[in-house]
């Protein structure tokens, strides 16, 4: 059986998968929507808006930050979060291109 390595994939496929994994939870989608609607936001403000505990929000923020979709700046004793604009645009373009190319391919396919 052939063994597939991560290096067998294009950088854009790896990056898109990283973004998709980070967005793979409804709470993270809700957090991204909230942050996209504001300039910046403290963790406590996110907790007030969403029906999840502070510790859980922090875990989700970590996943989104690790994927590069958000950034945080320390304003002791709090952290201010916002969308990471460069990676946000990269993610938007990657997903838009993916859906567009898939829709073109599906126009010529029957199942």
PDB file of N, CA and C in Angstrom:
ATOM      1  N   UNK A   1       0.846  -1.167   0.000  1.00  0.00           N
ATOM      2  CA  UNK A   1       0.000   0.000   0.000  1.00  0.00           C
ATOM      3  C   UNK A   1       0.899   1.239   0.000  1.00  0.00           C
ATOM      4  N   UNK A   2       0.573   2.207  -0.824  1.00  0.00           N
ATOM      5  CA  UNK A   2       1.356   3.433  -0.917  1.00  0.00           C
ATOM      6  C   UNK A   2       1.128   4.291   0.311  1.00  0.00           C
ATOM      7  N   UNK A   3       2.209   4.919   0.773  1.00  0.00           N
ATOM      8  CA  UNK A   3       2.124   5.809   1.927  1.00  0.00           C
ATOM      9  C   UNK A   3       2.188   7.247   1.439  1.00  0.00           C
ATOM     10  N   UNK A   4       1.159   8.020   1.729  1.00  0.00           N
ATOM     11  CA  UNK A   4       1.101   9.411   1.298  1.00  0.00           C
ATOM     12  C   UNK A   4       1.744  10.298   2.355  1.00  0.00           C
ATOM     13  N   UNK A   5       2.631  11.160   1.920  1.00  0.00           N
ATOM     14  CA  UNK A   5       3.313  12.075   2.820  1.00  0.00           C
ATOM     15  C   UNK A   5       2.734  13.468   2.652  1.00  0.00           C
ATOM     16  N   UNK A   6       2.840  14.256   3.701  1.00  0.00           N
ATOM     17  CA  UNK A   6       2.360  15.632   3.655  1.00  0.00           C
ATOM     18  C   UNK A   6       3.053  16.410   2.546  1.00  0.00           C
ATOM     19  N   UNK A   7       4.283  16.051   2.243  1.00  0.00           N
ATOM     20  CA  UNK A   7       5.025  16.762   1.199  1.00  0.00           C
ATOM     21  C   UNK A   7       4.513  16.439  -0.201  1.00  0.00           C
ATOM     22  N   UNK A   8       3.627  15.451  -0.301  1.00  0.00           N
ATOM     23  CA  UNK A   8       3.044  15.104  -1.599  1.00  0.00           C
ATOM     24  C   UNK A   8       1.955  16.079  -2.015  1.00  0.00           C
ATOM     25  N   UNK A   9       1.573  16.985  -1.109  1.00  0.00           N
ATOM     26  CA  UNK A   9       0.494  17.923  -1.386  1.00  0.00           C
ATOM     27  C   UNK A   9       1.046  19.313  -1.672  1.00  0.00           C
ATOM     28  N   UNK A  10       0.285  20.060  -2.439  1.00  0.00           N
ATOM     29  CA  UNK A  10       0.666  21.440  -2.729  1.00  0.00           C
ATOM     30  C   UNK A  10       0.513  22.271  -1.464  1.00  0.00           C
ATOM     31  N   UNK A  11       1.324  23.322  -1.365  1.00  0.00           N
ATOM     32  CA  UNK A  11       1.270  24.206  -0.199  1.00  0.00           C
ATOM     33  C   UNK A  11      -0.135  24.773   0.002  1.00  0.00           C
ATOM     34  N   UNK A  12      -0.811  25.129  -1.085  1.00  0.00           N
ATOM     35  CA  UNK A  12      -2.159  25.695  -0.952  1.00  0.00           C
ATOM     36  C   UNK A  12      -3.151  24.659  -0.417  1.00  0.00           C
ATOM     37  N   UNK A  13      -2.959  23.382  -0.746  1.00  0.00           N
ATOM     38  CA  UNK A  13      -3.831  22.331  -0.217  1.00  0.00           C
ATOM     39  C   UNK A  13      -3.603  22.143   1.286  1.00  0.00           C
ATOM     40  N   UNK A  14      -2.354  22.187   1.691  1.00  0.00           N
ATOM     41  CA  UNK A  14      -2.014  22.056   3.113  1.00  0.00           C
ATOM     42  C   UNK A  14      -2.582  23.238   3.890  1.00  0.00           C
ATOM     43  N   UNK A  15      -2.399  24.437   3.354  1.00  0.00           N
ATOM     44  CA  UNK A  15      -2.886  25.633   4.033  1.00  0.00           C
ATOM     45  C   UNK A  15      -4.414  25.650   4.109  1.00  0.00           C
ATOM     46  N   UNK A  16      -5.057  25.261   3.025  1.00  0.00           N
ATOM     47  CA  UNK A  16      -6.518  25.229   3.019  1.00  0.00           C
ATOM     48  C   UNK A  16      -7.033  24.211   4.037  1.00  0.00           C
ATOM     49  N   UNK A  17      -6.393  23.062   4.130  1.00  0.00           N
ATOM     50  CA  UNK A  17      -6.789  22.044   5.101  1.00  0.00           C
ATOM     51  C   UNK A  17      -6.601  22.560   6.529  1.00  0.00           C
ATOM     52  N   UNK A  18      -5.535  23.303   6.771  1.00  0.00           N
ATOM     53  CA  UNK A  18      -5.288  23.880   8.098  1.00  0.00           C
ATOM     54  C   UNK A  18      -6.412  24.857   8.462  1.00  0.00           C
ATOM     55  N   UNK A  19      -6.787  25.712   7.502  1.00  0.00           N
ATOM     56  CA  UNK A  19      -7.879  26.656   7.739  1.00  0.00           C
ATOM     57  C   UNK A  19      -9.194  25.907   7.965  1.00  0.00           C
ATOM     58  N   UNK A  20      -9.466  24.910   7.130  1.00  0.00           N
ATOM     59  CA  UNK A  20     -10.720  24.158   7.236  1.00  0.00           C
ATOM     60  C   UNK A  20     -10.814  23.439   8.578  1.00  0.00           C
ATOM     61  N   UNK A  21      -9.716  22.862   9.024  1.00  0.00           N
ATOM     62  CA  UNK A  21      -9.715  22.175  10.312  1.00  0.00           C
ATOM     63  C   UNK A  21     -10.009  23.160  11.438  1.00  0.00           C
ATOM     64  N   UNK A  22      -9.388  24.329  11.377  1.00  0.00           N
ATOM     65  CA  UNK A  22      -9.616  25.342  12.411  1.00  0.00           C
ATOM     66  C   UNK A  22     -11.063  25.815  12.411  1.00  0.00           C
ATOM     67  N   UNK A  23     -11.695  25.836  11.252  1.00  0.00           N
ATOM     68  CA  UNK A  23     -13.079  26.293  11.149  1.00  0.00           C
ATOM     69  C   UNK A  23     -14.069  25.145  11.317  1.00  0.00           C
ATOM     70  N   UNK A  24     -13.573  23.961  11.650  1.00  0.00           N
ATOM     71  CA  UNK A  24     -14.404  22.765  11.707  1.00  0.00           C
ATOM     72  C   UNK A  24     -15.238  22.595  12.962  1.00  0.00           C
ATOM     73  N   UNK A  25     -15.548  23.668  13.648  1.00  0.00           N
ATOM     74  CA  UNK A  25     -16.408  23.591  14.828  1.00  0.00           C
ATOM     75  C   UNK A  25     -17.343  24.796  14.803  1.00  0.00           C
ATOM     76  N   UNK A  26     -18.626  24.587  15.095  1.00  0.00           N
ATOM     77  CA  UNK A  26     -19.582  25.701  15.042  1.00  0.00           C
ATOM     78  C   UNK A  26     -19.206  26.879  15.943  1.00  0.00           C
ATOM     79  N   UNK A  27     -18.597  26.594  17.094  1.00  0.00           N
ATOM     80  CA  UNK A  27     -18.194  27.691  17.991  1.00  0.00           C
ATOM     81  C   UNK A  27     -17.115  28.552  17.337  1.00  0.00           C
ATOM     82  N   UNK A  28     -16.219  27.925  16.599  1.00  0.00           N
ATOM     83  CA  UNK A  28     -15.154  28.695  15.934  1.00  0.00           C
ATOM     84  C   UNK A  28     -15.718  29.538  14.809  1.00  0.00           C
ATOM     85  N   UNK A  29     -16.712  29.015  14.114  1.00  0.00           N
ATOM     86  CA  UNK A  29     -17.377  29.803  13.077  1.00  0.00           C
ATOM     87  C   UNK A  29     -18.049  31.011  13.731  1.00  0.00           C
ATOM     88  N   UNK A  30     -18.723  30.788  14.850  1.00  0.00           N
ATOM     89  CA  UNK A  30     -19.380  31.888  15.561  1.00  0.00           C
ATOM     90  C   UNK A  30     -18.362  32.925  16.027  1.00  0.00           C
ATOM     91  N   UNK A  31     -17.221  32.469  16.526  1.00  0.00           N
ATOM     92  CA  UNK A  31     -16.159  33.387  16.957  1.00  0.00           C
ATOM     93  C   UNK A  31     -15.645  34.187  15.770  1.00  0.00           C
ATOM     94  N   UNK A  32     -15.400  33.525  14.652  1.00  0.00           N
ATOM     95  CA  UNK A  32     -14.918  34.236  13.460  1.00  0.00           C
ATOM     96  C   UNK A  32     -15.930  35.260  12.976  1.00  0.00           C
ATOM     97  N   UNK A  33     -17.206  34.898  12.976  1.00  0.00           N
ATOM     98  CA  UNK A  33     -18.244  35.850  12.568  1.00  0.00           C
ATOM     99  C   UNK A  33     -18.245  37.069  13.485  1.00  0.00           C
ATOM    100  N   UNK A  34     -18.133  36.821  14.773  1.00  0.00           N
ATOM    101  CA  UNK A  34     -18.119  37.908  15.742  1.00  0.00           C
ATOM    102  C   UNK A  34     -16.911  38.818  15.522  1.00  0.00           C
ATOM    103  N   UNK A  35     -15.737  38.212  15.385  1.00  0.00           N
ATOM    104  CA  UNK A  35     -14.524  39.013  15.187  1.00  0.00           C
ATOM    105  C   UNK A  35     -14.545  39.756  13.857  1.00  0.00           C
ATOM    106  N   UNK A  36     -15.122  39.138  12.832  1.00  0.00           N
ATOM    107  CA  UNK A  36     -15.192  39.794  11.522  1.00  0.00           C
ATOM    108  C   UNK A  36     -16.113  41.005  11.552  1.00  0.00           C
ATOM    109  N   UNK A  37     -17.039  41.027  12.498  1.00  0.00           N
ATOM    110  CA  UNK A  37     -17.975  42.148  12.588  1.00  0.00           C
ATOM    111  C   UNK A  37     -17.450  43.283  13.461  1.00  0.00           C
ATOM    112  N   UNK A  38     -16.288  43.089  14.074  1.00  0.00           N
ATOM    113  CA  UNK A  38     -15.719  44.088  14.982  1.00  0.00           C
ATOM    114  C   UNK A  38     -14.266  44.351  14.612  1.00  0.00           C
ATOM    115  N   UNK A  39     -13.744  45.461  15.072  1.00  0.00           N
ATOM    116  CA  UNK A  39     -12.316  45.730  14.866  1.00  0.00           C
ATOM    117  C   UNK A  39     -11.476  44.811  15.740  1.00  0.00           C
ATOM    118  N   UNK A  40     -11.789  44.788  17.018  1.00  0.00           N
ATOM    119  CA  UNK A  40     -11.094  43.929  17.975  1.00  0.00           C
ATOM    120  C   UNK A  40     -12.069  43.511  19.061  1.00  0.00           C
ATOM    121  N   UNK A  41     -11.666  42.513  19.833  1.00  0.00           N
ATOM    122  CA  UNK A  41     -12.560  41.988  20.859  1.00  0.00           C
ATOM    123  C   UNK A  41     -11.733  41.274  21.929  1.00  0.00           C
ATOM    124  N   UNK A  42     -12.093  41.465  23.193  1.00  0.00           N
ATOM    125  CA  UNK A  42     -11.463  40.732  24.280  1.00  0.00           C
ATOM    126  C   UNK A  42     -12.172  39.398  24.468  1.00  0.00           C
ATOM    127  N   UNK A  43     -11.456  38.430  25.011  1.00  0.00           N
ATOM    128  CA  UNK A  43     -12.018  37.097  25.247  1.00  0.00           C
ATOM    129  C   UNK A  43     -13.311  37.185  26.053  1.00  0.00           C
ATOM    130  N   UNK A  44     -13.338  38.008  27.083  1.00  0.00           N
ATOM    131  CA  UNK A  44     -14.531  38.156  27.921  1.00  0.00           C
ATOM    132  C   UNK A  44     -15.744  38.613  27.139  1.00  0.00           C
ATOM    133  N   UNK A  45     -15.525  39.459  26.148  1.00  0.00           N
ATOM    134  CA  UNK A  45     -16.632  39.926  25.305  1.00  0.00           C
ATOM    135  C   UNK A  45     -17.181  38.787  24.448  1.00  0.00           C
ATOM    136  N   UNK A  46     -16.285  37.919  24.006  1.00  0.00           N
ATOM    137  CA  UNK A  46     -16.712  36.755  23.223  1.00  0.00           C
ATOM    138  C   UNK A  46     -17.538  35.825  24.102  1.00  0.00           C
ATOM    139  N   UNK A  47     -17.085  35.617  25.338  1.00  0.00           N
ATOM    140  CA  UNK A  47     -17.802  34.759  26.287  1.00  0.00           C
ATOM    141  C   UNK A  47     -19.208  35.300  26.533  1.00  0.00           C
ATOM    142  N   UNK A  48     -19.341  36.618  26.618  1.00  0.00           N
ATOM    143  CA  UNK A  48     -20.662  37.227  26.838  1.00  0.00           C
ATOM    144  C   UNK A  48     -21.595  37.005  25.650  1.00  0.00           C
ATOM    145  N   UNK A  49     -21.044  36.908  24.458  1.00  0.00           N
ATOM    146  CA  UNK A  49     -21.849  36.770  23.245  1.00  0.00           C
ATOM    147  C   UNK A  49     -22.226  35.330  22.913  1.00  0.00           C
ATOM    148  N   UNK A  50     -21.385  34.386  23.309  1.00  0.00           N
ATOM    149  CA  UNK A  50     -21.597  32.988  22.924  1.00  0.00           C
ATOM    150  C   UNK A  50     -21.974  32.133  24.129  1.00  0.00           C
ATOM    151  N   UNK A  51     -22.742  31.083  23.905  1.00  0.00           N
ATOM    152  CA  UNK A  51     -23.206  30.237  25.014  1.00  0.00           C
ATOM    153  C   UNK A  51     -22.200  29.163  25.416  1.00  0.00           C
ATOM    154  N   UNK A  52     -20.937  29.555  25.568  1.00  0.00           N
ATOM    155  CA  UNK A  52     -19.911  28.594  25.968  1.00  0.00           C
ATOM    156  C   UNK A  52     -19.021  29.208  27.051  1.00  0.00           C
ATOM    157  N   UNK A  53     -18.397  28.354  27.830  1.00  0.00           N
ATOM    158  CA  UNK A  53     -17.574  28.780  28.962  1.00  0.00           C
ATOM    159  C   UNK A  53     -16.290  29.464  28.501  1.00  0.00           C
ATOM    160  N   UNK A  54     -15.738  30.259  29.383  1.00  0.00           N
ATOM    161  CA  UNK A  54     -14.519  31.013  29.083  1.00  0.00           C
ATOM    162  C   UNK A  54     -13.368  30.086  28.709  1.00  0.00           C
ATOM    163  N   UNK A  55     -13.207  28.985  29.412  1.00  0.00           N
ATOM    164  CA  UNK A  55     -12.118  28.051  29.116  1.00  0.00           C
ATOM    165  C   UNK A  55     -12.274  27.456  27.714  1.00  0.00           C
ATOM    166  N   UNK A  56     -13.504  27.171  27.340  1.00  0.00           N
ATOM    167  CA  UNK A  56     -13.775  26.623  26.013  1.00  0.00           C
ATOM    168  C   UNK A  56     -13.512  27.664  24.934  1.00  0.00           C
ATOM    169  N   UNK A  57     -13.936  28.900  25.180  1.00  0.00           N
ATOM    170  CA  UNK A  57     -13.652  29.989  24.231  1.00  0.00           C
ATOM    171  C   UNK A  57     -12.147  30.121  24.045  1.00  0.00           C
ATOM    172  N   UNK A  58     -11.409  30.072  25.128  1.00  0.00           N
ATOM    173  CA  UNK A  58      -9.941  30.186  25.049  1.00  0.00           C
ATOM    174  C   UNK A  58      -9.335  29.072  24.204  1.00  0.00           C
ATOM    175  N   UNK A  59      -9.837  27.861  24.343  1.00  0.00           N
ATOM    176  CA  UNK A  59      -9.337  26.742  23.538  1.00  0.00           C
ATOM    177  C   UNK A  59      -9.624  26.970  22.054  1.00  0.00           C
ATOM    178  N   UNK A  60     -10.828  27.448  21.751  1.00  0.00           N
ATOM    179  CA  UNK A  60     -11.187  27.716  20.357  1.00  0.00           C
ATOM    180  C   UNK A  60     -10.348  28.868  19.791  1.00  0.00           C
ATOM    181  N   UNK A  61     -10.123  29.889  20.589  1.00  0.00           N
ATOM    182  CA  UNK A  61      -9.279  31.003  20.144  1.00  0.00           C
ATOM    183  C   UNK A  61      -7.869  30.521  19.838  1.00  0.00           C
ATOM    184  N   UNK A  62      -7.364  29.617  20.658  1.00  0.00           N
ATOM    185  CA  UNK A  62      -6.025  29.066  20.424  1.00  0.00           C
ATOM    186  C   UNK A  62      -5.962  28.342  19.083  1.00  0.00           C
ATOM    187  N   UNK A  63      -6.969  27.521  18.791  1.00  0.00           N
ATOM    188  CA  UNK A  63      -7.000  26.793  17.516  1.00  0.00           C
ATOM    189  C   UNK A  63      -7.029  27.761  16.331  1.00  0.00           C
ATOM    190  N   UNK A  64      -7.855  28.793  16.428  1.00  0.00           N
ATOM    191  CA  UNK A  64      -7.952  29.776  15.345  1.00  0.00           C
ATOM    192  C   UNK A  64      -6.660  30.567  15.199  1.00  0.00           C
ATOM    193  N   UNK A  65      -6.036  30.868  16.316  1.00  0.00           N
ATOM    194  CA  UNK A  65      -4.765  31.606  16.283  1.00  0.00           C
ATOM    195  C   UNK A  65      -3.656  30.723  15.713  1.00  0.00           C
ATOM    196  N   UNK A  66      -3.599  29.468  16.123  1.00  0.00           N
ATOM    197  CA  UNK A  66      -2.583  28.538  15.606  1.00  0.00           C
ATOM    198  C   UNK A  66      -2.698  28.359  14.091  1.00  0.00           C
ATOM    199  N   UNK A  67      -3.917  28.414  13.588  1.00  0.00           N
ATOM    200  CA  UNK A  67      -4.138  28.283  12.140  1.00  0.00           C
ATOM    201  C   UNK A  67      -3.838  29.587  11.404  1.00  0.00           C
ATOM    202  N   UNK A  68      -3.670  30.671  12.160  1.00  0.00           N
ATOM    203  CA  UNK A  68      -3.345  31.953  11.554  1.00  0.00           C
ATOM    204  C   UNK A  68      -4.547  32.770  11.118  1.00  0.00           C
ATOM    205  N   UNK A  69      -5.750  32.346  11.494  1.00  0.00           N
ATOM    206  CA  UNK A  69      -6.943  33.080  11.080  1.00  0.00           C
ATOM    207  C   UNK A  69      -7.217  34.300  11.953  1.00  0.00           C
ATOM    208  N   UNK A  70      -6.721  34.271  13.199  1.00  0.00           N
ATOM    209  CA  UNK A  70      -6.874  35.425  14.080  1.00  0.00           C
ATOM    210  C   UNK A  70      -5.524  35.750  14.702  1.00  0.00           C
ATOM    211  N   UNK A  71      -5.451  36.916  15.287  1.00  0.00           N
ATOM    212  CA  UNK A  71      -4.249  37.300  16.019  1.00  0.00           C
ATOM    213  C   UNK A  71      -4.668  37.900  17.348  1.00  0.00           C
ATOM    214  N   UNK A  72      -3.755  37.882  18.290  1.00  0.00           N
ATOM    215  CA  UNK A  72      -4.041  38.441  19.601  1.00  0.00           C
ATOM    216  C   UNK A  72      -2.902  39.328  20.048  1.00  0.00           C
ATOM    217  N   UNK A  73      -3.256  40.420  20.702  1.00  0.00           N
ATOM    218  CA  UNK A  73      -2.234  41.298  21.268  1.00  0.00           C
ATOM    219  C   UNK A  73      -2.513  41.459  22.757  1.00  0.00           C
ATOM    220  N   UNK A  74      -1.466  41.372  23.526  1.00  0.00           N
ATOM    221  CA  UNK A  74      -1.607  41.424  24.979  1.00  0.00           C
ATOM    222  C   UNK A  74      -1.773  42.867  25.424  1.00  0.00           C
ATOM    223  N   UNK A  75      -2.838  43.093  26.161  1.00  0.00           N
ATOM    224  CA  UNK A  75      -3.085  44.360  26.840  1.00  0.00           C
ATOM    225  C   UNK A  75      -3.374  43.962  28.282  1.00  0.00           C
ATOM    226  N   UNK A  76      -2.280  43.744  29.021  1.00  0.00           N
ATOM    227  CA  UNK A  76      -2.357  43.167  30.362  1.00  0.00           C
ATOM    228  C   UNK A  76      -3.516  43.754  31.158  1.00  0.00           C
ATOM    229  N   UNK A  77      -4.279  42.906  31.797  1.00  0.00           N
ATOM    230  CA  UNK A  77      -4.143  41.463  31.910  1.00  0.00           C
ATOM    231  C   UNK A  77      -4.944  40.698  30.851  1.00  0.00           C
ATOM    232  N   UNK A  78      -5.391  41.375  29.818  1.00  0.00           N
ATOM    233  CA  UNK A  78      -6.253  40.749  28.821  1.00  0.00           C
ATOM    234  C   UNK A  78      -5.542  40.589  27.479  1.00  0.00           C
ATOM    235  N   UNK A  79      -6.161  39.815  26.601  1.00  0.00           N
ATOM    236  CA  UNK A  79      -5.682  39.682  25.228  1.00  0.00           C
ATOM    237  C   UNK A  79      -6.781  40.171  24.301  1.00  0.00           C
ATOM    238  N   UNK A  80      -6.420  41.046  23.397  1.00  0.00           N
ATOM    239  CA  UNK A  80      -7.358  41.583  22.410  1.00  0.00           C
ATOM    240  C   UNK A  80      -7.194  40.768  21.134  1.00  0.00           C
ATOM    241  N   UNK A  81      -8.301  40.242  20.618  1.00  0.00           N
ATOM    242  CA  UNK A  81      -8.282  39.405  19.420  1.00  0.00           C
ATOM    243  C   UNK A  81      -8.894  40.138  18.231  1.00  0.00           C
ATOM    244  N   UNK A  82      -8.406  39.794  17.055  1.00  0.00           N
ATOM    245  CA  UNK A  82      -8.984  40.312  15.821  1.00  0.00           C
ATOM    246  C   UNK A  82      -8.653  39.338  14.685  1.00  0.00           C
ATOM    247  N   UNK A  83      -9.326  39.531  13.568  1.00  0.00           N
ATOM    248  CA  UNK A  83      -9.048  38.745  12.371  1.00  0.00           C
ATOM    249  C   UNK A  83      -7.635  39.065  11.900  1.00  0.00           C
ATOM    250  N   UNK A  84      -6.891  38.066  11.446  1.00  0.00           N
ATOM    251  CA  UNK A  84      -5.566  38.289  10.857  1.00  0.00           C
ATOM    252  C   UNK A  84      -5.805  38.563   9.374  1.00  0.00           C
ATOM    253  N   UNK A  85      -5.709  39.832   8.947  1.00  0.00           N
ATOM    254  CA  UNK A  85      -6.170  40.202   7.607  1.00  0.00           C
ATOM    255  C   UNK A  85      -5.471  39.492   6.447  1.00  0.00           C
ATOM    256  N   UNK A  86      -4.181  39.285   6.538  1.00  0.00           N
ATOM    257  CA  UNK A  86      -3.464  38.643   5.430  1.00  0.00           C
ATOM    258  C   UNK A  86      -3.941  37.206   5.231  1.00  0.00           C
ATOM    259  N   UNK A  87      -3.976  36.435   6.312  1.00  0.00           N
ATOM    260  CA  UNK A  87      -4.408  35.036   6.200  1.00  0.00           C
ATOM    261  C   UNK A  87      -5.904  34.922   5.945  1.00  0.00           C
ATOM    262  N   UNK A  88      -6.686  35.865   6.443  1.00  0.00           N
ATOM    263  CA  UNK A  88      -8.118  35.884   6.175  1.00  0.00           C
ATOM    264  C   UNK A  88      -8.360  35.992   4.676  1.00  0.00           C
ATOM    265  N   UNK A  89      -7.595  36.875   4.021  1.00  0.00           N
ATOM    266  CA  UNK A  89      -7.727  37.053   2.574  1.00  0.00           C
ATOM    267  C   UNK A  89      -7.242  35.812   1.822  1.00  0.00           C
ATOM    268  N   UNK A  90      -6.154  35.219   2.299  1.00  0.00           N
ATOM    269  CA  UNK A  90      -5.658  33.986   1.681  1.00  0.00           C
ATOM    270  C   UNK A  90      -6.720  32.891   1.781  1.00  0.00           C
ATOM    271  N   UNK A  91      -7.313  32.732   2.966  1.00  0.00           N
ATOM    272  CA  UNK A  91      -8.356  31.708   3.157  1.00  0.00           C
ATOM    273  C   UNK A  91      -9.551  31.991   2.258  1.00  0.00           C
ATOM    274  N   UNK A  92      -9.979  33.238   2.206  1.00  0.00           N
ATOM    275  CA  UNK A  92     -11.116  33.603   1.364  1.00  0.00           C
ATOM    276  C   UNK A  92     -10.852  33.232  -0.092  1.00  0.00           C
ATOM    277  N   UNK A  93      -9.658  33.549  -0.572  1.00  0.00           N
ATOM    278  CA  UNK A  93      -9.311  33.262  -1.963  1.00  0.00           C
ATOM    279  C   UNK A  93      -9.202  31.756  -2.211  1.00  0.00           C
ATOM    280  N   UNK A  94      -8.551  31.039  -1.309  1.00  0.00           N
ATOM    281  CA  UNK A  94      -8.406  29.590  -1.477  1.00  0.00           C
ATOM    282  C   UNK A  94      -9.765  28.896  -1.559  1.00  0.00           C
ATOM    283  N   UNK A  95     -10.666  29.235  -0.640  1.00  0.00           N
ATOM    284  CA  UNK A  95     -11.985  28.594  -0.635  1.00  0.00           C
ATOM    285  C   UNK A  95     -12.816  29.037  -1.834  1.00  0.00           C
ATOM    286  N   UNK A  96     -12.752  30.306  -2.193  1.00  0.00           N
ATOM    287  CA  UNK A  96     -13.509  30.790  -3.353  1.00  0.00           C
ATOM    288  C   UNK A  96     -13.040  30.082  -4.620  1.00  0.00           C
ATOM    289  N   UNK A  97     -11.727  29.980  -4.784  1.00  0.00           N
ATOM    290  CA  UNK A  97     -11.180  29.294  -5.963  1.00  0.00           C
ATOM    291  C   UNK A  97     -11.581  27.817  -5.970  1.00  0.00           C
ATOM    292  N   UNK A  98     -11.524  27.193  -4.805  1.00  0.00           N
ATOM    293  CA  UNK A  98     -11.896  25.781  -4.690  1.00  0.00           C
ATOM    294  C   UNK A  98     -13.349  25.570  -5.098  1.00  0.00           C
ATOM    295  N   UNK A  99     -14.265  26.361  -4.555  1.00  0.00           N
ATOM    296  CA  UNK A  99     -15.684  26.201  -4.882  1.00  0.00           C
ATOM    297  C   UNK A  99     -15.946  26.540  -6.339  1.00  0.00           C
ATOM    298  N   UNK A 100     -15.277  27.543  -6.852  1.00  0.00           N
ATOM    299  CA  UNK A 100     -15.470  27.926  -8.255  1.00  0.00           C
ATOM    300  C   UNK A 100     -15.002  26.802  -9.182  1.00  0.00           C
ATOM    301  N   UNK A 101     -13.795  26.282  -8.949  1.00  0.00           N
ATOM    302  CA  UNK A 101     -13.265  25.208  -9.803  1.00  0.00           C
ATOM    303  C   UNK A 101     -14.128  23.947  -9.681  1.00  0.00           C
ATOM    304  N   UNK A 102     -14.604  23.662  -8.475  1.00  0.00           N
ATOM    305  CA  UNK A 102     -15.463  22.490  -8.278  1.00  0.00           C
ATOM    306  C   UNK A 102     -16.768  22.648  -9.020  1.00  0.00           C
ATOM    307  N   UNK A 103     -17.343  23.848  -9.011  1.00  0.00           N
ATOM    308  CA  UNK A 103     -18.612  24.051  -9.711  1.00  0.00           C
ATOM    309  C   UNK A 103     -18.439  23.929 -11.216  1.00  0.00           C
ATOM    310  N   UNK A 104     -17.282  24.363 -11.738  1.00  0.00           N
ATOM    311  CA  UNK A 104     -17.014  24.199 -13.170  1.00  0.00           C
ATOM    312  C   UNK A 104     -16.913  22.725 -13.525  1.00  0.00           C
ATOM    313  N   UNK A 105     -16.234  21.962 -12.701  1.00  0.00           N
ATOM    314  CA  UNK A 105     -16.072  20.529 -12.954  1.00  0.00           C
ATOM    315  C   UNK A 105     -17.400  19.796 -12.882  1.00  0.00           C
ATOM    316  N   UNK A 106     -18.246  20.202 -11.963  1.00  0.00           N
ATOM    317  CA  UNK A 106     -19.517  19.515 -11.764  1.00  0.00           C
ATOM    318  C   UNK A 106     -20.518  19.815 -12.874  1.00  0.00           C
ATOM    319  N   UNK A 107     -20.328  20.884 -13.612  1.00  0.00           N
ATOM    320  CA  UNK A 107     -21.251  21.206 -14.693  1.00  0.00           C
ATOM    321  C   UNK A 107     -21.189  20.156 -15.809  1.00  0.00           C
ATOM    322  N   UNK A 108     -20.052  19.473 -15.912  1.00  0.00           N
ATOM    323  CA  UNK A 108     -19.865  18.486 -16.960  1.00  0.00           C
ATOM    324  C   UNK A 108     -19.972  17.060 -16.434  1.00  0.00           C
ATOM    325  N   UNK A 109     -20.486  16.893 -15.221  1.00  0.00           N
ATOM    326  CA  UNK A 109     -20.531  15.587 -14.593  1.00  0.00           C
ATOM    327  C   UNK A 109     -21.963  15.180 -14.313  1.00  0.00           C
ATOM    328  N   UNK A 110     -22.236  13.915 -14.556  1.00  0.00           N
ATOM    329  CA  UNK A 110     -23.513  13.356 -14.130  1.00  0.00           C
ATOM    330  C   UNK A 110     -23.230  12.176 -13.227  1.00  0.00           C
ATOM    331  N   UNK A 111     -24.131  11.917 -12.331  1.00  0.00           N
ATOM    332  CA  UNK A 111     -23.904  10.865 -11.347  1.00  0.00           C
ATOM    333  C   UNK A 111     -24.989   9.852 -11.408  1.00  0.00           C
TER     334      UNK A 111
END
